[in-house]
N, C-alpha and C. Protein backbone atom coordinates (compact mmCIF):
# COMPACT_ATOMS: atom_id res chain seq x y z
N MET A 1 -2.86 -2.88 20.20
CA MET A 1 -2.12 -3.97 19.29
C MET A 1 -1.68 -3.24 18.08
N ASP A 2 -0.56 -3.44 17.68
CA ASP A 2 0.06 -2.76 16.57
C ASP A 2 0.13 -3.89 15.41
N ILE A 3 0.35 -3.27 14.31
CA ILE A 3 0.58 -4.25 13.13
C ILE A 3 2.06 -4.48 13.04
N VAL A 4 2.34 -5.69 12.39
CA VAL A 4 3.72 -6.11 12.10
C VAL A 4 3.71 -6.43 10.58
N LEU A 5 4.83 -5.77 10.03
CA LEU A 5 5.09 -6.15 8.63
C LEU A 5 6.13 -7.14 8.54
N THR A 6 6.07 -8.34 8.09
CA THR A 6 6.92 -9.33 7.92
C THR A 6 7.20 -9.49 6.37
N PRO A 7 8.36 -9.89 6.05
CA PRO A 7 8.78 -9.91 4.62
C PRO A 7 7.98 -11.11 3.89
N LEU A 8 7.41 -10.87 2.78
CA LEU A 8 6.71 -11.89 1.90
C LEU A 8 7.57 -13.04 1.68
N LEU A 9 7.15 -14.27 2.02
CA LEU A 9 7.80 -15.46 1.79
C LEU A 9 7.01 -16.27 0.79
N LYS A 10 7.69 -17.30 0.12
CA LYS A 10 7.12 -18.15 -0.94
C LYS A 10 5.79 -18.65 -0.38
N ALA A 11 6.02 -19.17 0.97
CA ALA A 11 4.83 -19.88 1.58
C ALA A 11 3.47 -18.97 1.73
N ASP A 12 3.68 -17.63 1.57
CA ASP A 12 2.52 -16.70 1.69
C ASP A 12 1.88 -16.45 0.44
N ILE A 13 2.45 -16.79 -0.72
CA ILE A 13 1.99 -16.31 -2.14
C ILE A 13 0.58 -17.02 -2.48
N GLU A 14 0.19 -18.09 -1.92
CA GLU A 14 -1.13 -18.69 -2.21
C GLU A 14 -2.23 -17.95 -1.48
N LEU A 15 -1.91 -17.54 -0.31
CA LEU A 15 -2.77 -16.83 0.44
C LEU A 15 -3.00 -15.43 -0.15
N VAL A 16 -1.96 -14.82 -0.57
CA VAL A 16 -1.92 -13.48 -1.17
C VAL A 16 -2.65 -13.57 -2.48
N ARG A 17 -2.54 -14.62 -3.25
CA ARG A 17 -3.23 -14.75 -4.59
C ARG A 17 -4.67 -14.91 -4.22
N ILE A 18 -5.18 -15.70 -3.27
CA ILE A 18 -6.54 -15.79 -2.95
C ILE A 18 -7.17 -14.43 -2.57
N TRP A 19 -6.43 -13.61 -1.80
CA TRP A 19 -6.83 -12.22 -1.45
C TRP A 19 -7.08 -11.40 -2.77
N ARG A 20 -5.90 -11.44 -3.53
CA ARG A 20 -5.89 -10.64 -4.73
C ARG A 20 -7.04 -10.87 -5.81
N ASN A 21 -7.49 -12.25 -5.69
CA ASN A 21 -8.40 -12.56 -6.70
C ASN A 21 -9.89 -12.35 -6.19
N SER A 22 -9.97 -12.13 -4.82
CA SER A 22 -11.33 -11.71 -4.30
C SER A 22 -11.84 -10.51 -4.83
N PRO A 23 -13.24 -10.38 -5.06
CA PRO A 23 -13.66 -9.26 -5.52
C PRO A 23 -13.61 -7.95 -4.66
N GLU A 24 -13.41 -8.15 -3.40
CA GLU A 24 -13.18 -7.14 -2.49
C GLU A 24 -11.98 -6.49 -2.65
N VAL A 25 -10.87 -7.12 -3.04
CA VAL A 25 -9.56 -6.69 -3.28
C VAL A 25 -9.49 -6.19 -4.73
N ALA A 26 -9.87 -7.15 -5.69
CA ALA A 26 -9.60 -6.90 -7.07
C ALA A 26 -10.26 -5.39 -7.54
N GLN A 27 -11.44 -5.07 -6.96
CA GLN A 27 -12.04 -3.87 -7.25
C GLN A 27 -11.23 -2.57 -7.25
N TYR A 28 -10.12 -2.60 -6.44
CA TYR A 28 -9.13 -1.56 -6.19
C TYR A 28 -7.95 -1.68 -7.01
N MET A 29 -7.68 -2.75 -7.80
CA MET A 29 -6.44 -3.06 -8.42
C MET A 29 -6.57 -2.51 -9.88
N TYR A 30 -5.55 -2.26 -10.60
CA TYR A 30 -5.46 -1.89 -12.02
C TYR A 30 -5.89 -2.94 -12.94
N THR A 31 -5.64 -4.18 -12.59
CA THR A 31 -6.05 -5.27 -13.29
C THR A 31 -7.08 -6.20 -12.51
N GLU A 32 -7.92 -6.83 -13.35
CA GLU A 32 -8.99 -7.38 -12.69
C GLU A 32 -8.95 -8.95 -13.16
N ASN A 33 -7.95 -9.44 -14.00
CA ASN A 33 -7.92 -10.72 -14.42
C ASN A 33 -7.61 -11.67 -13.22
N GLU A 34 -8.10 -12.85 -13.26
CA GLU A 34 -7.88 -13.97 -12.33
C GLU A 34 -6.47 -14.32 -12.22
N ILE A 35 -5.88 -14.34 -11.18
CA ILE A 35 -4.38 -14.80 -11.23
C ILE A 35 -4.24 -16.19 -10.82
N THR A 36 -3.59 -17.02 -11.81
CA THR A 36 -3.26 -18.38 -11.67
C THR A 36 -2.17 -18.59 -10.64
N ALA A 37 -2.08 -19.84 -10.00
CA ALA A 37 -1.07 -20.09 -9.22
C ALA A 37 0.42 -19.96 -10.04
N GLU A 38 0.30 -20.40 -11.18
CA GLU A 38 1.72 -20.21 -12.02
C GLU A 38 1.96 -18.72 -12.06
N GLN A 39 0.87 -17.93 -12.45
CA GLN A 39 1.39 -16.49 -12.57
C GLN A 39 1.85 -15.87 -11.24
N GLN A 40 1.32 -16.43 -10.20
CA GLN A 40 1.59 -15.84 -8.93
C GLN A 40 3.02 -16.30 -8.52
N GLU A 41 3.37 -17.49 -8.93
CA GLU A 41 4.77 -17.96 -8.68
C GLU A 41 5.90 -17.11 -9.50
N THR A 42 5.44 -16.81 -10.79
CA THR A 42 6.27 -16.18 -11.74
C THR A 42 6.43 -14.87 -11.11
N TRP A 43 5.34 -14.21 -10.70
CA TRP A 43 5.47 -12.71 -10.08
C TRP A 43 6.39 -12.81 -8.79
N PHE A 44 6.27 -13.75 -8.00
CA PHE A 44 7.10 -13.89 -6.80
C PHE A 44 8.56 -14.02 -7.14
N ASN A 45 8.72 -14.83 -8.05
CA ASN A 45 10.18 -14.94 -8.54
C ASN A 45 10.84 -13.80 -9.01
N ARG A 46 10.03 -13.02 -9.70
CA ARG A 46 10.63 -11.84 -10.30
C ARG A 46 10.84 -10.74 -9.29
N ILE A 47 9.97 -10.74 -8.20
CA ILE A 47 10.19 -9.56 -7.25
C ILE A 47 10.96 -9.95 -6.09
N LYS A 48 11.10 -11.20 -5.76
CA LYS A 48 11.76 -11.62 -4.48
C LYS A 48 13.23 -11.05 -4.24
N ASP A 49 13.93 -10.93 -5.23
CA ASP A 49 15.31 -10.44 -5.12
C ASP A 49 15.61 -8.83 -5.82
N ASP A 50 14.37 -8.35 -6.15
CA ASP A 50 14.42 -7.08 -6.78
C ASP A 50 14.70 -5.93 -5.85
N GLU A 51 15.77 -5.28 -5.93
CA GLU A 51 16.03 -4.13 -4.77
C GLU A 51 15.18 -2.95 -4.92
N SER A 52 14.37 -2.82 -6.14
CA SER A 52 13.52 -1.68 -6.18
C SER A 52 12.19 -1.81 -5.57
N CYS A 53 12.04 -2.95 -4.97
CA CYS A 53 10.75 -3.14 -4.26
C CYS A 53 10.85 -3.89 -2.84
N ARG A 54 9.90 -3.85 -2.11
CA ARG A 54 9.63 -4.61 -0.86
C ARG A 54 8.27 -4.89 -0.77
N TYR A 55 7.99 -6.12 -0.30
CA TYR A 55 6.60 -6.60 -0.21
C TYR A 55 6.57 -7.30 1.28
N TRP A 56 5.53 -6.99 2.03
CA TRP A 56 5.31 -7.49 3.28
C TRP A 56 3.91 -8.21 3.62
N ILE A 57 3.90 -9.10 4.38
CA ILE A 57 2.54 -9.69 4.83
C ILE A 57 2.30 -8.66 6.09
N ILE A 58 1.02 -8.24 6.04
CA ILE A 58 0.69 -7.42 7.16
C ILE A 58 0.00 -8.39 8.19
N GLU A 59 0.60 -8.43 9.58
CA GLU A 59 -0.05 -9.29 10.60
C GLU A 59 -0.55 -8.34 11.63
N TYR A 60 -1.70 -8.73 12.19
CA TYR A 60 -2.36 -7.89 13.16
C TYR A 60 -3.10 -8.90 14.15
N ASP A 61 -2.71 -8.89 15.50
CA ASP A 61 -3.49 -9.78 16.38
C ASP A 61 -2.87 -11.15 16.03
N ASP A 62 -1.61 -11.38 15.68
CA ASP A 62 -1.05 -12.68 15.31
C ASP A 62 -1.86 -13.41 14.11
N LYS A 63 -2.41 -12.57 13.23
CA LYS A 63 -3.43 -13.02 12.14
C LYS A 63 -2.67 -12.40 10.83
N LYS A 64 -2.48 -13.15 9.73
CA LYS A 64 -2.12 -12.41 8.53
C LYS A 64 -3.44 -11.91 7.72
N ILE A 65 -3.35 -10.54 7.62
CA ILE A 65 -4.51 -9.90 7.06
C ILE A 65 -4.36 -9.05 5.87
N GLY A 66 -3.15 -9.02 5.42
CA GLY A 66 -3.10 -8.30 4.11
C GLY A 66 -1.69 -8.24 3.60
N LEU A 67 -1.43 -7.34 2.51
CA LEU A 67 -0.23 -7.25 1.88
C LEU A 67 0.17 -5.71 1.80
N ALA A 68 1.49 -5.29 2.04
CA ALA A 68 1.95 -3.88 1.84
C ALA A 68 3.03 -4.09 0.95
N SER A 69 3.27 -2.93 0.18
CA SER A 69 4.49 -2.96 -0.77
C SER A 69 4.93 -1.59 -0.86
N ILE A 70 6.15 -1.54 -1.24
CA ILE A 70 6.91 -0.35 -1.68
C ILE A 70 7.56 -0.75 -3.02
N THR A 71 7.31 0.00 -4.13
CA THR A 71 7.78 -0.36 -5.41
C THR A 71 8.40 1.11 -6.02
N GLY A 72 9.18 0.67 -7.07
CA GLY A 72 9.87 1.74 -7.73
C GLY A 72 10.78 2.48 -6.92
N ILE A 73 11.45 1.90 -6.11
CA ILE A 73 12.27 2.59 -5.08
C ILE A 73 13.53 3.13 -6.01
N SER A 74 13.66 4.43 -6.07
CA SER A 74 14.64 5.10 -6.80
C SER A 74 15.63 6.01 -5.83
N LYS A 75 16.82 5.64 -5.88
CA LYS A 75 17.67 6.57 -5.01
C LYS A 75 17.97 7.83 -5.92
N THR A 76 17.98 7.69 -7.18
CA THR A 76 18.21 8.89 -8.06
C THR A 76 17.09 9.97 -7.80
N LEU A 77 15.81 9.44 -7.84
CA LEU A 77 14.72 10.39 -7.68
C LEU A 77 14.34 10.63 -6.11
N GLY A 78 14.89 9.86 -5.40
CA GLY A 78 14.64 9.73 -3.89
C GLY A 78 13.26 9.49 -3.45
N SER A 79 12.58 8.62 -4.16
CA SER A 79 11.16 8.33 -4.07
C SER A 79 10.87 6.88 -4.29
N CYS A 80 9.57 6.55 -4.00
CA CYS A 80 9.12 5.22 -4.31
C CYS A 80 7.45 5.50 -4.25
N TYR A 81 6.80 4.34 -4.68
CA TYR A 81 5.34 4.23 -4.61
C TYR A 81 5.08 3.19 -3.52
N TRP A 82 3.83 3.38 -2.80
CA TRP A 82 3.43 2.45 -1.86
C TRP A 82 1.98 2.09 -2.04
N ALA A 83 1.66 0.87 -1.46
CA ALA A 83 0.28 0.48 -1.63
C ALA A 83 0.07 -0.57 -0.55
N PHE A 84 -1.11 -0.84 -0.37
CA PHE A 84 -1.51 -2.01 0.70
C PHE A 84 -2.95 -2.44 0.35
N TYR A 85 -3.25 -3.66 0.76
CA TYR A 85 -4.65 -3.93 0.71
C TYR A 85 -4.81 -5.04 1.89
N LEU A 86 -6.12 -5.06 2.42
CA LEU A 86 -6.33 -6.16 3.35
C LEU A 86 -7.08 -7.22 2.76
N GLY A 87 -7.03 -8.43 3.21
CA GLY A 87 -7.57 -9.59 2.67
C GLY A 87 -9.04 -9.74 3.00
N THR A 88 -9.61 -10.75 2.62
CA THR A 88 -11.07 -11.01 2.93
C THR A 88 -11.15 -11.31 4.33
N ASP A 89 -12.29 -11.15 4.94
CA ASP A 89 -12.73 -11.46 6.29
C ASP A 89 -11.82 -10.63 7.34
N VAL A 90 -11.45 -9.40 6.83
CA VAL A 90 -10.69 -8.49 7.82
C VAL A 90 -11.59 -7.61 8.10
N PRO A 91 -11.84 -7.25 9.52
CA PRO A 91 -12.68 -6.15 9.84
C PRO A 91 -11.98 -4.69 9.37
N ARG A 92 -12.91 -3.96 8.72
CA ARG A 92 -12.58 -2.64 8.32
C ARG A 92 -12.77 -1.52 9.37
N GLY A 93 -11.93 -0.60 9.32
CA GLY A 93 -12.16 0.39 10.36
C GLY A 93 -11.12 0.03 11.52
N GLY A 94 -11.23 0.83 12.71
CA GLY A 94 -10.57 0.45 13.81
C GLY A 94 -9.07 0.93 13.71
N GLY A 95 -8.64 1.56 12.71
CA GLY A 95 -7.41 2.05 12.65
C GLY A 95 -6.35 1.21 11.89
N ILE A 96 -6.70 0.20 11.55
CA ILE A 96 -5.57 -0.73 10.91
C ILE A 96 -4.98 -0.12 9.81
N GLY A 97 -5.72 0.48 8.84
CA GLY A 97 -5.07 0.98 7.57
C GLY A 97 -4.03 2.26 8.17
N SER A 98 -4.41 3.09 9.14
CA SER A 98 -3.55 3.97 9.63
C SER A 98 -2.33 3.60 10.22
N LYS A 99 -2.32 2.50 10.88
CA LYS A 99 -1.17 1.88 11.50
C LYS A 99 -0.23 1.29 10.46
N ILE A 100 -0.90 0.77 9.34
CA ILE A 100 -0.17 0.38 8.16
C ILE A 100 0.62 1.51 7.51
N GLU A 101 -0.08 2.61 7.37
CA GLU A 101 0.36 3.74 6.67
C GLU A 101 1.57 4.34 7.44
N PHE A 102 1.24 4.52 8.73
CA PHE A 102 2.37 4.95 9.67
C PHE A 102 3.69 4.24 9.56
N ASN A 103 3.41 2.89 9.59
CA ASN A 103 4.77 2.12 9.47
C ASN A 103 5.40 2.18 8.26
N ILE A 104 4.64 2.30 7.15
CA ILE A 104 5.33 2.58 5.71
C ILE A 104 6.01 3.82 5.75
N LEU A 105 5.42 4.91 6.14
CA LEU A 105 5.97 6.23 6.18
C LEU A 105 7.26 6.26 6.92
N GLU A 106 7.44 5.54 8.11
CA GLU A 106 8.63 5.50 8.80
C GLU A 106 9.61 4.74 8.09
N TYR A 107 9.22 3.58 7.38
CA TYR A 107 10.22 2.88 6.70
C TYR A 107 10.72 3.62 5.52
N ALA A 108 9.91 4.19 4.82
CA ALA A 108 10.35 4.96 3.50
C ALA A 108 11.30 6.04 3.96
N PHE A 109 11.05 6.84 5.00
CA PHE A 109 11.81 7.94 5.30
C PHE A 109 12.96 7.69 6.29
N ASN A 110 12.78 6.76 7.26
CA ASN A 110 13.77 6.43 8.27
C ASN A 110 14.82 5.39 7.84
N GLU A 111 14.20 4.30 7.25
CA GLU A 111 15.07 3.25 6.73
C GLU A 111 15.68 3.47 5.32
N LEU A 112 14.88 3.77 4.46
CA LEU A 112 15.38 3.99 3.04
C LEU A 112 15.88 5.45 2.78
N LYS A 113 15.52 6.28 3.57
CA LYS A 113 16.13 7.67 3.60
C LYS A 113 15.71 8.40 2.33
N LEU A 114 14.42 8.01 2.00
CA LEU A 114 13.90 8.67 0.68
C LEU A 114 13.35 10.13 0.95
N ASN A 115 13.16 10.78 -0.05
CA ASN A 115 12.61 12.38 0.08
C ASN A 115 11.04 12.31 -0.09
N LYS A 116 10.43 11.39 -0.97
CA LYS A 116 9.06 11.35 -1.21
C LYS A 116 8.53 10.02 -1.27
N LEU A 117 7.35 9.94 -0.87
CA LEU A 117 6.50 8.64 -0.81
C LEU A 117 5.22 8.99 -1.58
N ARG A 118 5.02 8.22 -2.73
CA ARG A 118 3.78 8.36 -3.65
C ARG A 118 2.84 7.33 -3.67
N CYS A 119 1.72 7.59 -4.09
CA CYS A 119 0.79 6.56 -4.34
C CYS A 119 -0.28 6.91 -5.35
N GLU A 120 -1.01 6.05 -5.87
CA GLU A 120 -2.10 6.21 -6.81
C GLU A 120 -3.44 5.58 -6.39
N VAL A 121 -4.47 6.29 -6.38
CA VAL A 121 -5.73 5.82 -5.86
C VAL A 121 -6.71 6.12 -6.73
N MET A 122 -7.58 5.12 -7.14
CA MET A 122 -8.74 5.36 -8.01
C MET A 122 -9.65 6.33 -7.37
N ILE A 123 -10.22 7.12 -8.18
CA ILE A 123 -11.13 8.30 -7.63
C ILE A 123 -12.27 7.85 -6.80
N PHE A 124 -12.80 6.59 -7.11
CA PHE A 124 -13.97 6.11 -6.29
C PHE A 124 -13.51 5.75 -4.93
N ASN A 125 -12.40 5.68 -4.58
CA ASN A 125 -11.84 4.94 -3.33
C ASN A 125 -11.58 6.23 -2.36
N ASP A 126 -12.56 7.01 -2.10
CA ASP A 126 -12.47 8.24 -1.38
C ASP A 126 -11.99 8.01 0.05
N LYS A 127 -12.30 6.92 0.62
CA LYS A 127 -11.90 6.78 2.13
C LYS A 127 -10.28 6.53 2.27
N VAL A 128 -9.79 5.80 1.16
CA VAL A 128 -8.35 5.84 1.25
C VAL A 128 -7.72 7.25 0.74
N ILE A 129 -8.15 8.01 -0.20
CA ILE A 129 -7.68 9.30 -0.60
C ILE A 129 -7.66 10.08 0.81
N SER A 130 -8.83 10.06 1.40
CA SER A 130 -8.91 10.86 2.72
C SER A 130 -7.97 10.39 3.72
N MET A 131 -7.71 9.18 3.88
CA MET A 131 -6.78 8.73 4.97
C MET A 131 -5.35 9.16 4.46
N HIS A 132 -4.92 8.98 3.28
CA HIS A 132 -3.61 9.53 2.91
C HIS A 132 -3.46 11.10 3.18
N GLU A 133 -4.62 11.83 2.86
CA GLU A 133 -4.51 13.24 2.95
C GLU A 133 -4.42 13.56 4.63
N LYS A 134 -4.99 12.86 5.48
CA LYS A 134 -4.94 13.04 6.88
C LYS A 134 -3.49 12.88 7.45
N PHE A 135 -2.73 12.04 6.70
CA PHE A 135 -1.27 11.88 6.96
C PHE A 135 -0.45 12.90 6.42
N GLY A 136 -0.94 13.82 5.53
CA GLY A 136 -0.11 14.84 5.19
C GLY A 136 0.09 14.73 3.49
N PHE A 137 -0.41 13.60 2.86
CA PHE A 137 -0.25 13.48 1.53
C PHE A 137 -0.92 14.58 0.69
N ARG A 138 -0.39 14.99 -0.27
CA ARG A 138 -1.12 16.07 -1.30
C ARG A 138 -1.39 15.52 -2.62
N ARG A 139 -2.33 15.94 -3.19
CA ARG A 139 -2.67 15.60 -4.49
C ARG A 139 -1.67 16.29 -5.43
N GLU A 140 -0.98 15.53 -6.14
CA GLU A 140 -0.04 16.01 -7.10
C GLU A 140 -0.30 15.81 -8.70
N ALA A 141 -1.26 14.78 -8.69
CA ALA A 141 -1.61 14.47 -10.28
C ALA A 141 -3.12 14.00 -10.31
N TYR A 142 -3.68 14.28 -11.37
CA TYR A 142 -4.85 13.64 -11.73
C TYR A 142 -4.83 12.97 -13.01
N TYR A 143 -4.94 11.67 -13.14
CA TYR A 143 -4.73 10.76 -14.24
C TYR A 143 -6.10 10.53 -14.78
N ARG A 144 -6.53 11.24 -15.85
CA ARG A 144 -7.87 11.01 -16.45
C ARG A 144 -7.83 9.59 -17.10
N GLN A 145 -8.97 8.92 -17.13
CA GLN A 145 -9.09 7.56 -17.63
C GLN A 145 -7.95 6.71 -17.53
N HIS A 146 -7.48 6.68 -16.49
CA HIS A 146 -6.25 5.99 -16.32
C HIS A 146 -6.21 4.29 -16.14
N VAL A 147 -7.49 3.84 -15.87
CA VAL A 147 -7.57 2.45 -15.84
C VAL A 147 -8.93 2.17 -16.20
N LYS A 148 -9.11 0.81 -16.90
CA LYS A 148 -10.43 0.45 -17.18
C LYS A 148 -10.89 -0.63 -16.17
N LYS A 149 -12.07 -0.25 -15.68
CA LYS A 149 -12.59 -1.14 -14.57
C LYS A 149 -14.14 -1.37 -15.07
N ASN A 150 -14.51 -2.70 -15.21
CA ASN A 150 -15.88 -3.07 -15.55
C ASN A 150 -16.28 -2.36 -16.83
N GLU A 151 -15.37 -2.33 -17.90
CA GLU A 151 -15.49 -1.78 -19.08
C GLU A 151 -15.80 -0.29 -19.24
N LYS A 152 -15.29 0.35 -18.12
CA LYS A 152 -15.31 1.83 -18.01
C LYS A 152 -14.03 2.39 -17.58
N TRP A 153 -13.75 3.70 -18.21
CA TRP A 153 -12.55 4.21 -17.74
C TRP A 153 -12.69 4.87 -16.53
N VAL A 154 -11.68 4.85 -15.57
CA VAL A 154 -11.76 5.41 -14.30
C VAL A 154 -10.55 6.37 -14.13
N ASP A 155 -10.91 7.46 -13.49
CA ASP A 155 -9.69 8.42 -13.09
C ASP A 155 -8.89 8.02 -11.82
N THR A 156 -7.77 8.49 -11.73
CA THR A 156 -6.91 8.07 -10.68
C THR A 156 -6.29 9.35 -10.16
N VAL A 157 -6.03 9.32 -8.75
CA VAL A 157 -5.42 10.56 -8.14
C VAL A 157 -4.04 9.96 -7.64
N GLY A 158 -2.99 10.91 -7.99
CA GLY A 158 -1.63 10.69 -7.63
C GLY A 158 -1.41 11.60 -6.32
N LEU A 159 -1.01 11.12 -5.24
CA LEU A 159 -0.73 11.79 -4.04
C LEU A 159 0.63 11.53 -3.61
N ALA A 160 1.25 12.50 -2.79
CA ALA A 160 2.64 12.37 -2.35
C ALA A 160 2.84 13.10 -1.14
N ILE A 161 3.77 12.57 -0.42
CA ILE A 161 4.21 13.40 0.89
C ILE A 161 5.76 13.34 0.90
N LEU A 162 6.32 14.49 1.35
CA LEU A 162 7.68 14.69 1.44
C LEU A 162 8.37 14.26 2.78
N SER A 163 9.55 13.87 2.94
CA SER A 163 9.97 13.56 4.24
C SER A 163 9.91 14.72 5.18
N GLU A 164 10.15 16.02 4.84
CA GLU A 164 10.01 17.12 5.79
C GLU A 164 8.64 17.31 6.22
N GLU A 165 7.68 17.02 5.25
CA GLU A 165 6.22 17.01 5.76
C GLU A 165 5.80 16.01 6.89
N TRP A 166 6.48 14.77 6.51
CA TRP A 166 6.12 13.63 7.56
C TRP A 166 6.80 14.01 8.85
N ASN A 167 7.96 14.53 8.89
CA ASN A 167 8.58 14.79 10.13
C ASN A 167 7.87 15.90 10.85
N LYS A 168 7.09 16.71 10.28
CA LYS A 168 6.31 17.76 11.10
C LYS A 168 4.95 17.10 11.47
N GLN A 169 4.43 16.11 10.69
CA GLN A 169 3.20 15.48 10.99
C GLN A 169 3.18 14.35 11.92
N LYS A 170 4.40 13.57 11.92
CA LYS A 170 4.54 12.33 12.58
C LYS A 170 4.10 12.30 14.06
N GLU A 171 4.49 13.11 14.89
CA GLU A 171 4.13 13.16 16.28
C GLU A 171 2.72 13.32 16.42
N PHE A 172 2.15 14.16 15.69
CA PHE A 172 0.77 14.31 15.85
C PHE A 172 -0.10 13.07 15.48
N MET A 173 0.37 12.46 14.30
CA MET A 173 -0.36 11.21 13.84
C MET A 173 -0.06 10.05 14.82
N GLN A 174 0.98 10.03 15.39
CA GLN A 174 1.36 8.89 16.19
C GLN A 174 0.33 9.02 17.49
N LYS A 175 0.25 10.19 17.92
CA LYS A 175 -0.69 10.48 19.15
C LYS A 175 -2.14 9.90 18.88
N ILE A 176 -2.66 10.38 17.72
CA ILE A 176 -3.94 9.99 17.21
C ILE A 176 -4.15 8.43 17.01
N ILE A 177 -3.13 7.91 16.33
CA ILE A 177 -3.21 6.30 15.99
C ILE A 177 -3.05 5.49 17.16
N TYR A 178 -2.07 5.89 17.99
CA TYR A 178 -1.71 4.99 19.12
C TYR A 178 -2.24 5.58 20.45
N ARG A 179 -2.95 6.72 20.39
CA ARG A 179 -3.67 7.17 21.64
C ARG A 179 -2.47 7.32 22.65
N THR A 180 -1.27 7.88 22.28
CA THR A 180 -0.37 8.11 23.33
C THR A 180 -0.38 9.59 24.02
């Protein structure tokens, strides 16, 4: 079973807000504040027509399980950032994150024709850092005390992959992820 990325709709924003406010998701976010329904609607109205970003609901086995995004799309720099999270009550493991990453890489490099895909991950999220590195992402930056979590400053790793690197890695990753 593959994942499906469907564009974020207004009808989805309450579900996304519930996920985002959950401790399981909030621990990996730069901000921890509880998001109100009004704030969520304001955010959606700001991003829905913004050409520098894309947001998708992640569906797996006909169930909405999370949110994926590409932000900071720059044709000048030929790059963008990406992120995703799985909602609550979603089984971890089983390759779901890898399938999401594969689809985002394909979109960034084949649809948007960008040169570089970037992300930032808090240093304690070693599973996600490891997953990105398996795809060919390289550490390009180390941001000391980049975000405050639970009253403590946390370092963040900046990772990136180039289109040419993905083209070399893609077939190998596809065989692993989809067992083809």
